[in-house]
Amino acid sequence: MAAKKMQLKLSRVVQGNFRLGVLRGVGSTTGQYSLDTPGCLLYTHLGTVPHLTQDTLHTLKHLPCVSQVTLSAIAEHQEVLDDFKDGFRDFAGLRDTLLYCSLHDPAATCPSGYTTNKTVSVWGSGGRIELTVTKFMALLKTVQPDWYQSMADGETWQSSTSRKRVRKSVDRTLTHLDECLLAHQTSPELEGMEIFGVVEGGDILEERVRSAKETAKRPVTGFCLDGLQTGSMDQVLRTELITAVNRELPEDKPRLLQGVGRPDEVLACVEAGVDLFEGFFPFQVTERGCALCFNYNICPDPEHTVLEQDEVKKQVVEMQPNADVNPEDQTQMTAFEINLKEKRFQDDFGPLVEGCGCYCCKNHQRAYIHHLLVTNELLAGVLLMIHNTVHYQGFFSALRDALANDKLHVLKRLILGERGAQSVTKE
């Protein structure tokens, strides 16, 4: 296998686990890109950020240089891509971005019960597609990503999964990784691409540690931490498992956590040593007709900071749903967003977030977005996705600034509100 170019250069480690750094040498051809960590990838569906054209997307600043594409969406189009021959990036007309290829879409539900010792299944619009290692690697030759995750058995995130099934998941995933590495080493078409090993283990500490130790022995560039997604387990247990896993992983290789995007959970997982996240959360918020509306502005002026915290309390009150909200939205909404479909916004002529510099907040009001939503206008999704993407990327930038400038305690107070630092370890 060709020598790895990608390497994580840490500039600071805070409180033993928070890792501030830069992922350098990213890119299968020139290695010219770099990605600041902690950070997140750009979520796409078939290479396109939902609701946004490429021209609209590129009006946004400070986007991550890596876009995530999923085999679950691409696999059913393999024949077309094979005929095209020049890879998915050129096929989708992407520019100024690198590609990370994962198995599953983090914003979609993946049915369980279809993994075997020889295959994994992905789900596209046409239904289930079963992948052997041979088919999996053939797909990667067609897609030509800059890096990709290995095949894995990730069907053990439910708390009811037996220890025997979790052990089998770890064994299968390691076997898949060995087979993928062998195919990678013998395929000139994959030269220059990077492979991430997948750490499984459900909610069983011993299996998590075993999976991490064994995966770290393989010649992988980084690690995907799977089966820890939102809703799978309590945050305290997730933090414990991630911390234990990361003790077994090399410091100079990135750790990508799958399926976690909520800001408070991101903070806790970064504290446990995670470097990268999938960027699907803004899309989920947009699909709910909601706008991200949490405060992450770190200010050195203590009086100004108090005023900002008062604004957070006000927003928390605003976020309480009323009787007009669809019950499904109530179960899905988080404390970091406001539902613009609520009637109270029909006469609210303020921006989505005061002081936000995105196109939506500079040019439109909450009342207009409410109107677009209740009349089912497609422009609602466009404007919300612009704001939510900018706001979410701003959060990660603030997180890196907080780590660099000893302001982490301030950011925790802003993100967690009156809960202080209860969801993450106190300083």
Protein backbone atom coordinates (compact mmCIF):
# COMPACT_ATOMS: atom_id res chain seq x y z
CA MET A 1 0.00 0.00 0.00
CA ALA A 2 1.22 3.51 -0.78
CA ALA A 3 2.58 5.51 2.12
CA LYS A 4 -0.05 7.50 3.94
CA LYS A 5 -0.13 11.24 3.43
CA MET A 6 -2.91 12.15 5.83
CA GLN A 7 -1.79 12.88 9.39
CA LEU A 8 -3.30 14.67 12.34
CA LYS A 9 -1.02 17.35 13.78
CA LEU A 10 -2.14 18.24 17.29
CA SER A 11 -1.39 21.76 18.46
CA ARG A 12 -2.97 21.41 21.88
CA VAL A 13 -4.56 18.87 24.20
CA VAL A 14 -6.85 20.39 26.83
CA GLN A 15 -7.85 18.61 30.04
CA GLY A 16 -6.22 15.44 28.77
CA ASN A 17 -8.70 14.66 25.99
CA PHE A 18 -9.89 17.76 24.09
CA ARG A 19 -7.71 17.72 20.96
CA LEU A 20 -7.07 20.83 18.88
CA GLY A 21 -5.26 20.23 15.62
CA VAL A 22 -5.13 20.16 11.85
CA LEU A 23 -5.61 17.15 9.61
CA ARG A 24 -2.91 17.69 7.00
CA GLY A 25 -2.13 16.03 3.70
CA VAL A 26 -5.79 15.41 2.92
CA GLY A 27 -6.43 14.46 -0.70
CA SER A 28 -5.64 11.38 -2.77
CA THR A 29 -3.80 13.26 -5.51
CA THR A 30 -1.99 16.31 -4.20
CA GLY A 31 -2.56 16.18 -0.46
CA GLN A 32 -2.96 19.96 -0.57
CA TYR A 33 -6.00 20.31 1.67
CA SER A 34 -6.17 20.58 5.44
CA LEU A 35 -9.07 20.28 7.86
CA ASP A 36 -9.17 21.95 11.28
CA THR A 37 -10.19 19.74 14.19
CA PRO A 38 -12.46 19.42 16.04
CA GLY A 39 -14.54 19.77 12.91
CA CYS A 40 -17.30 18.25 10.85
CA LEU A 41 -17.70 17.07 7.29
CA LEU A 42 -20.10 18.55 4.77
CA TYR A 43 -23.21 16.38 4.58
CA THR A 44 -24.47 15.61 1.08
CA HIS A 45 -26.98 13.40 -0.67
CA LEU A 46 -25.48 12.10 -3.90
CA GLY A 47 -22.85 14.82 -3.66
CA THR A 48 -25.30 17.69 -3.27
CA VAL A 49 -26.04 19.52 -0.02
CA PRO A 50 -29.84 19.14 0.30
CA HIS A 51 -31.83 22.20 -0.84
CA LEU A 52 -28.73 24.00 -2.16
CA THR A 53 -27.34 24.20 -5.68
CA GLN A 54 -23.57 24.15 -6.08
CA ASP A 55 -23.60 27.87 -6.92
CA THR A 56 -25.60 28.69 -3.79
CA LEU A 57 -23.41 26.47 -1.66
CA HIS A 58 -20.26 28.22 -2.79
CA THR A 59 -21.59 31.59 -1.67
CA LEU A 60 -21.12 30.29 1.90
CA LYS A 61 -17.77 30.87 3.55
CA HIS A 62 -15.60 28.64 5.72
CA LEU A 63 -17.12 25.36 4.58
CA PRO A 64 -15.17 22.16 5.38
CA CYS A 65 -13.02 20.88 2.55
CA VAL A 66 -14.40 17.34 2.82
CA SER A 67 -17.84 16.26 1.58
CA GLN A 68 -19.44 13.04 2.76
CA VAL A 69 -21.07 10.73 0.23
CA THR A 70 -22.69 7.42 1.07
CA LEU A 71 -22.66 4.08 -0.69
CA SER A 72 -26.30 3.66 0.31
CA ALA A 73 -27.14 6.42 -2.18
CA ILE A 74 -24.53 5.64 -4.84
CA ALA A 75 -24.60 1.83 -5.06
CA GLU A 76 -27.71 1.65 -7.25
CA HIS A 77 -26.05 3.95 -9.81
CA GLN A 78 -22.83 1.98 -10.17
CA GLU A 79 -23.46 1.01 -13.79
CA VAL A 80 -23.84 4.65 -14.82
CA LEU A 81 -20.68 5.64 -12.94
CA ASP A 82 -18.75 2.75 -14.47
CA ASP A 83 -19.64 4.03 -17.93
CA PHE A 84 -18.61 7.57 -16.95
CA LYS A 85 -15.18 6.28 -15.75
CA ASP A 86 -13.92 9.54 -14.18
CA GLY A 87 -15.22 9.10 -10.64
CA PHE A 88 -18.11 10.49 -8.68
CA ARG A 89 -16.56 13.90 -8.03
CA ASP A 90 -16.47 14.81 -11.73
CA PHE A 91 -19.80 13.09 -12.38
CA ALA A 92 -21.53 15.25 -9.74
CA GLY A 93 -19.74 18.41 -10.88
CA LEU A 94 -18.13 18.95 -7.49
CA ARG A 95 -15.30 21.42 -7.10
CA ASP A 96 -12.98 22.49 -4.31
CA THR A 97 -13.89 19.52 -2.17
CA LEU A 98 -12.61 16.10 -1.21
CA LEU A 99 -14.77 13.01 -0.82
CA TYR A 100 -15.22 10.79 2.20
CA CYS A 101 -17.31 7.71 1.45
CA SER A 102 -19.27 6.03 4.25
CA LEU A 103 -21.52 3.00 4.14
CA HIS A 104 -24.75 4.53 5.41
CA ASP A 105 -26.51 7.89 5.41
CA PRO A 106 -26.35 9.26 8.99
CA ALA A 107 -29.64 11.13 8.48
CA ALA A 108 -31.58 8.02 7.38
CA THR A 109 -32.79 4.99 9.28
CA CYS A 110 -31.03 1.79 8.27
CA PRO A 111 -33.00 -1.45 8.76
CA SER A 112 -31.19 -4.11 10.78
CA GLY A 113 -31.01 -7.87 10.47
CA TYR A 114 -29.40 -8.12 7.05
CA THR A 115 -25.69 -8.46 7.89
CA THR A 116 -23.95 -11.81 7.36
CA ASN A 117 -20.40 -13.08 7.75
CA LYS A 118 -19.75 -12.26 4.09
CA THR A 119 -22.01 -9.28 3.33
CA VAL A 120 -23.40 -5.99 4.53
CA SER A 121 -26.49 -4.30 3.12
CA VAL A 122 -27.09 -0.70 2.15
CA TRP A 123 -30.44 0.85 1.36
CA GLY A 124 -31.08 3.12 -1.61
CA SER A 125 -34.27 4.46 -3.14
CA GLY A 126 -34.77 1.14 -4.90
CA GLY A 127 -34.42 -0.97 -1.77
CA ARG A 128 -31.74 -3.20 -0.30
CA ILE A 129 -28.39 -3.78 -2.00
CA GLU A 130 -26.21 -6.56 -0.62
CA LEU A 131 -22.47 -5.95 -0.76
CA THR A 132 -19.68 -8.49 -0.56
CA VAL A 133 -16.13 -7.23 -0.08
CA THR A 134 -15.57 -7.70 -3.82
CA LYS A 135 -18.62 -5.58 -4.71
CA PHE A 136 -17.76 -3.05 -2.02
CA MET A 137 -14.23 -2.51 -3.35
CA ALA A 138 -15.50 -2.41 -6.93
CA LEU A 139 -17.85 0.39 -5.93
CA LEU A 140 -14.98 2.34 -4.39
CA LYS A 141 -12.96 2.00 -7.59
CA THR A 142 -15.93 3.56 -9.38
CA VAL A 143 -16.54 6.34 -6.85
CA GLN A 144 -12.83 7.19 -6.38
CA PRO A 145 -13.12 8.91 -2.96
CA ASP A 146 -10.17 10.42 -1.14
CA TRP A 147 -10.89 8.27 1.88
CA TYR A 148 -13.48 5.72 2.88
CA GLN A 149 -14.62 3.62 5.80
CA SER A 150 -14.14 -0.11 5.71
CA MET A 151 -17.07 -2.52 5.62
CA ALA A 152 -18.50 -3.07 9.09
CA ASP A 153 -21.25 -4.83 11.01
CA GLY A 154 -22.82 -1.93 12.86
CA GLU A 155 -26.11 -3.52 13.86
CA THR A 156 -25.40 -3.71 17.60
CA TRP A 157 -26.22 -0.20 18.77
CA GLN A 158 -29.49 -1.25 20.44
CA SER A 159 -29.13 -1.75 24.20
CA SER A 160 -30.95 -5.09 23.96
CA THR A 161 -28.21 -6.64 21.79
CA SER A 162 -26.66 -9.69 23.43
CA ARG A 163 -23.00 -9.95 24.33
CA LYS A 164 -22.62 -12.84 21.87
CA ARG A 165 -24.03 -10.74 19.03
CA VAL A 166 -21.77 -7.81 19.91
CA ARG A 167 -18.73 -10.09 19.91
CA LYS A 168 -19.72 -11.41 16.50
CA SER A 169 -20.05 -7.83 15.25
CA VAL A 170 -16.50 -7.02 16.31
CA ASP A 171 -15.13 -10.21 14.74
CA ARG A 172 -16.99 -9.64 11.47
CA THR A 173 -15.84 -6.03 11.26
CA LEU A 174 -12.19 -7.00 11.78
CA THR A 175 -12.50 -9.72 9.13
CA HIS A 176 -14.07 -7.25 6.71
CA LEU A 177 -11.25 -4.78 7.42
CA ASP A 178 -8.55 -7.38 6.71
CA GLU A 179 -10.24 -8.32 3.43
CA CYS A 180 -10.64 -4.67 2.42
CA LEU A 181 -6.99 -3.95 3.22
CA LEU A 182 -5.86 -6.91 1.13
CA ALA A 183 -7.98 -5.77 -1.80
CA HIS A 184 -6.75 -2.21 -1.34
CA GLN A 185 -3.10 -3.29 -1.40
CA THR A 186 -3.56 -5.23 -4.64
CA SER A 187 -5.64 -2.61 -6.51
CA PRO A 188 -3.68 0.07 -8.40
CA GLU A 189 -6.95 1.98 -8.88
CA LEU A 190 -7.11 2.59 -5.12
CA GLU A 191 -3.59 3.94 -4.80
CA GLY A 192 -3.56 7.20 -2.87
CA MET A 193 -6.93 6.61 -1.23
CA GLU A 194 -7.05 6.33 2.54
CA ILE A 195 -8.97 3.73 4.54
CA PHE A 196 -10.54 4.23 7.96
CA GLY A 197 -11.03 1.21 10.20
CA VAL A 198 -14.35 0.92 12.04
CA VAL A 199 -14.53 0.42 15.81
CA GLU A 200 -17.61 -1.50 16.94
CA GLY A 201 -18.60 -3.09 20.24
CA GLY A 202 -22.12 -1.91 21.07
CA ASP A 203 -22.45 -0.80 24.67
CA ILE A 204 -20.02 -3.39 26.05
CA LEU A 205 -16.79 -1.81 27.26
CA GLU A 206 -14.61 -4.89 26.85
CA GLU A 207 -15.68 -5.38 23.24
CA ARG A 208 -15.17 -1.70 22.45
CA VAL A 209 -11.63 -1.86 23.79
CA ARG A 210 -10.91 -5.11 21.95
CA SER A 211 -12.20 -3.66 18.69
CA ALA A 212 -10.07 -0.53 19.15
CA LYS A 213 -6.90 -2.44 20.00
CA GLU A 214 -7.23 -4.81 17.05
CA THR A 215 -8.17 -2.09 14.57
CA ALA A 216 -5.21 0.02 15.69
CA LYS A 217 -2.87 -2.84 14.74
CA ARG A 218 -3.95 -2.57 11.09
CA PRO A 219 -2.42 -0.09 8.60
CA VAL A 220 -5.37 2.31 8.59
CA THR A 221 -5.22 6.09 8.33
CA GLY A 222 -7.98 6.84 10.82
CA PHE A 223 -10.86 5.40 12.78
CA CYS A 224 -14.66 5.52 12.55
CA LEU A 225 -16.42 5.10 15.89
CA ASP A 226 -19.71 3.41 15.02
CA GLY A 227 -22.82 2.39 16.96
CA LEU A 228 -22.73 5.38 19.30
CA GLN A 229 -25.30 7.53 17.50
CA THR A 230 -27.85 9.76 19.15
CA GLY A 231 -30.62 7.70 20.74
CA SER A 232 -28.52 4.57 21.08
CA MET A 233 -27.38 5.12 24.65
CA ASP A 234 -27.05 7.54 27.53
CA GLN A 235 -24.45 10.29 27.00
CA VAL A 236 -22.56 9.31 30.15
CA LEU A 237 -22.09 5.77 28.85
CA ARG A 238 -21.19 7.05 25.38
CA THR A 239 -18.51 9.30 26.86
CA GLU A 240 -17.12 6.43 28.94
CA LEU A 241 -16.92 4.14 25.90
CA ILE A 242 -15.34 6.76 23.63
CA THR A 243 -12.77 7.68 26.27
CA ALA A 244 -11.80 4.03 26.74
CA VAL A 245 -11.60 3.46 22.97
CA ASN A 246 -9.46 6.52 22.34
CA ARG A 247 -6.89 5.39 24.92
CA GLU A 248 -6.13 2.49 22.58
CA LEU A 249 -5.84 4.56 19.38
CA PRO A 250 -2.73 6.35 18.08
CA GLU A 251 -2.68 10.06 18.84
CA ASP A 252 -1.68 11.07 15.32
CA LYS A 253 -4.65 9.41 13.59
CA PRO A 254 -8.08 11.07 13.42
CA ARG A 255 -11.20 9.71 15.15
CA LEU A 256 -14.47 10.22 13.28
CA LEU A 257 -17.68 9.72 15.27
CA GLN A 258 -20.72 8.60 13.29
CA GLY A 259 -24.31 9.61 13.98
CA VAL A 260 -23.82 12.38 16.57
CA GLY A 261 -24.51 16.01 15.74
CA ARG A 262 -26.38 17.77 18.56
CA PRO A 263 -24.18 20.56 20.00
CA ASP A 264 -24.25 19.39 23.62
CA GLU A 265 -23.39 15.85 22.56
CA VAL A 266 -20.63 17.15 20.29
CA LEU A 267 -19.07 18.96 23.25
CA ALA A 268 -19.14 15.83 25.40
CA CYS A 269 -17.70 13.66 22.63
CA VAL A 270 -14.94 16.16 21.81
CA GLU A 271 -14.02 16.08 25.48
CA ALA A 272 -13.72 12.30 25.18
CA GLY A 273 -11.21 12.71 22.33
CA VAL A 274 -13.26 12.81 19.09
CA ASP A 275 -11.82 14.86 16.20
CA LEU A 276 -14.42 14.70 13.41
CA PHE A 277 -18.20 14.53 13.10
CA GLU A 278 -20.66 13.95 10.27
CA GLY A 279 -22.42 17.21 9.36
CA PHE A 280 -26.00 15.96 9.00
CA PHE A 281 -27.54 17.88 11.93
CA PRO A 282 -28.32 21.11 9.98
CA PHE A 283 -30.19 19.04 7.40
CA GLN A 284 -32.31 17.33 10.06
CA VAL A 285 -33.15 20.70 11.61
CA THR A 286 -34.08 22.11 8.19
CA GLU A 287 -36.36 19.15 7.44
CA ARG A 288 -38.28 19.93 10.64
CA GLY A 289 -38.89 23.49 9.44
CA CYS A 290 -36.63 24.73 12.21
CA ALA A 291 -33.70 27.13 12.54
CA LEU A 292 -30.65 26.65 14.71
CA CYS A 293 -30.82 29.36 17.34
CA PHE A 294 -28.27 28.68 20.07
CA ASN A 295 -25.59 31.06 21.30
CA TYR A 296 -21.91 30.17 20.88
CA ASN A 297 -20.44 33.68 20.77
CA ILE A 298 -17.52 33.77 23.19
CA CYS A 299 -16.95 37.33 24.45
CA PRO A 300 -14.11 38.45 26.76
CA ASP A 301 -16.35 41.17 28.25
CA PRO A 302 -17.99 39.60 31.35
CA GLU A 303 -20.94 42.04 31.25
CA HIS A 304 -21.57 41.23 27.60
CA THR A 305 -21.34 37.52 28.39
CA VAL A 306 -24.10 37.88 31.02
CA LEU A 307 -26.31 39.60 28.45
CA GLU A 308 -25.69 36.76 26.00
CA GLN A 309 -26.65 34.21 28.64
CA ASP A 310 -29.90 36.11 29.26
CA GLU A 311 -30.57 35.85 25.52
CA VAL A 312 -30.02 32.07 25.73
CA LYS A 313 -32.62 31.85 28.51
CA LYS A 314 -35.03 33.85 26.36
CA GLN A 315 -34.44 31.49 23.44
CA VAL A 316 -35.03 28.45 25.64
CA VAL A 317 -38.44 29.90 26.55
CA GLU A 318 -39.13 30.55 22.86
CA MET A 319 -38.32 26.94 22.04
CA GLN A 320 -41.19 25.57 24.14
CA PRO A 321 -43.66 24.17 21.58
CA ASN A 322 -47.32 25.18 21.75
CA ALA A 323 -50.46 23.22 21.01
CA ASP A 324 -50.31 24.03 17.30
CA VAL A 325 -47.09 22.11 16.76
CA ASN A 326 -47.26 18.70 15.11
CA PRO A 327 -46.59 16.02 17.81
CA GLU A 328 -43.96 14.41 15.58
CA ASP A 329 -42.02 17.67 15.48
CA GLN A 330 -42.16 17.93 19.27
CA THR A 331 -40.45 14.57 19.64
CA GLN A 332 -37.77 15.44 17.11
CA MET A 333 -36.98 19.03 18.03
CA THR A 334 -34.00 19.80 20.21
CA ALA A 335 -33.34 22.66 22.60
CA PHE A 336 -31.05 24.27 20.02
CA GLU A 337 -33.66 25.25 17.44
CA ILE A 338 -36.91 27.13 16.95
CA ASN A 339 -39.86 25.86 14.93
CA LEU A 340 -40.71 28.50 12.32
CA LYS A 341 -44.00 26.77 11.50
CA GLU A 342 -45.50 27.98 14.79
CA LYS A 343 -48.15 30.71 14.47
CA ARG A 344 -46.33 33.04 16.85
CA PHE A 345 -43.75 33.69 14.15
CA GLN A 346 -46.23 35.04 11.57
CA ASP A 347 -45.79 38.58 12.93
CA ASP A 348 -42.14 38.30 14.02
CA PHE A 349 -40.12 40.56 11.76
CA GLY A 350 -36.72 39.89 13.30
CA PRO A 351 -33.96 37.73 11.78
CA LEU A 352 -33.69 34.05 12.62
CA VAL A 353 -30.75 34.89 14.89
CA GLU A 354 -29.85 38.45 15.83
CA GLY A 355 -26.37 39.30 14.57
CA CYS A 356 -26.09 36.28 12.25
CA GLY A 357 -24.31 37.21 9.04
CA CYS A 358 -25.82 34.55 6.78
CA TYR A 359 -27.79 35.53 3.67
CA CYS A 360 -31.09 34.46 5.20
CA CYS A 361 -30.73 36.50 8.41
CA LYS A 362 -29.42 39.57 6.57
CA ASN A 363 -32.24 39.63 4.02
CA HIS A 364 -35.33 37.93 5.49
CA GLN A 365 -37.41 37.79 8.65
CA ARG A 366 -38.88 35.00 10.74
CA ALA A 367 -42.36 35.93 9.50
CA TYR A 368 -41.31 35.40 5.88
CA ILE A 369 -39.80 31.98 6.61
CA HIS A 370 -43.01 31.08 8.49
CA HIS A 371 -45.04 32.09 5.42
CA LEU A 372 -42.84 30.00 3.11
CA LEU A 373 -43.21 26.97 5.37
CA VAL A 374 -46.97 27.08 5.81
CA THR A 375 -47.45 27.57 2.04
CA ASN A 376 -45.00 24.73 1.27
CA GLU A 377 -42.67 26.90 -0.78
CA LEU A 378 -39.35 25.25 -1.72
CA LEU A 379 -37.50 28.47 -0.90
CA ALA A 380 -38.09 27.76 2.81
CA GLY A 381 -35.72 24.80 2.72
CA VAL A 382 -33.13 26.78 0.79
CA LEU A 383 -33.07 29.68 3.24
CA LEU A 384 -33.17 27.47 6.33
CA MET A 385 -30.39 25.24 5.02
CA ILE A 386 -28.20 28.30 4.34
CA HIS A 387 -28.70 29.56 7.88
CA ASN A 388 -28.39 26.20 9.60
CA THR A 389 -25.20 25.31 7.72
CA VAL A 390 -23.56 28.64 8.53
CA HIS A 391 -24.68 28.51 12.16
CA TYR A 392 -23.42 24.96 12.66
CA GLN A 393 -20.04 25.66 11.09
CA GLY A 394 -19.80 28.75 13.28
CA PHE A 395 -20.31 26.54 16.33
CA PHE A 396 -17.34 24.35 15.39
CA SER A 397 -15.21 27.43 14.74
CA ALA A 398 -16.16 28.76 18.19
CA LEU A 399 -15.28 25.39 19.71
CA ARG A 400 -11.80 25.50 18.20
CA ASP A 401 -11.34 29.11 19.34
CA ALA A 402 -12.44 28.18 22.85
CA LEU A 403 -9.89 25.37 22.99
CA ALA A 404 -7.15 27.66 21.70
CA ASN A 405 -7.91 30.57 24.04
CA ASP A 406 -8.86 28.86 27.32
CA LYS A 407 -12.52 29.84 26.91
CA LEU A 408 -13.99 26.37 26.98
CA HIS A 409 -15.84 27.04 30.23
CA VAL A 410 -17.52 30.05 28.59
CA LEU A 411 -18.62 28.00 25.59
CA LYS A 412 -20.00 25.27 27.86
CA ARG A 413 -22.13 27.80 29.72
CA LEU A 414 -23.44 29.25 26.48
CA ILE A 415 -24.27 25.88 24.90
CA LEU A 416 -25.63 24.19 27.98
CA GLY A 417 -27.41 27.21 29.45
CA GLU A 418 -28.35 26.94 33.09
CA ARG A 419 -27.24 23.31 33.15
CA GLY A 420 -23.68 24.63 33.25
CA ALA A 421 -21.23 21.86 32.52
CA GLN A 422 -23.33 18.98 33.81
CA SER A 423 -23.32 17.11 30.51
CA VAL A 424 -19.55 17.32 30.23
CA THR A 425 -16.80 17.11 32.80
CA LYS A 426 -16.35 20.26 34.81
CA GLU A 427 -13.08 22.10 34.49
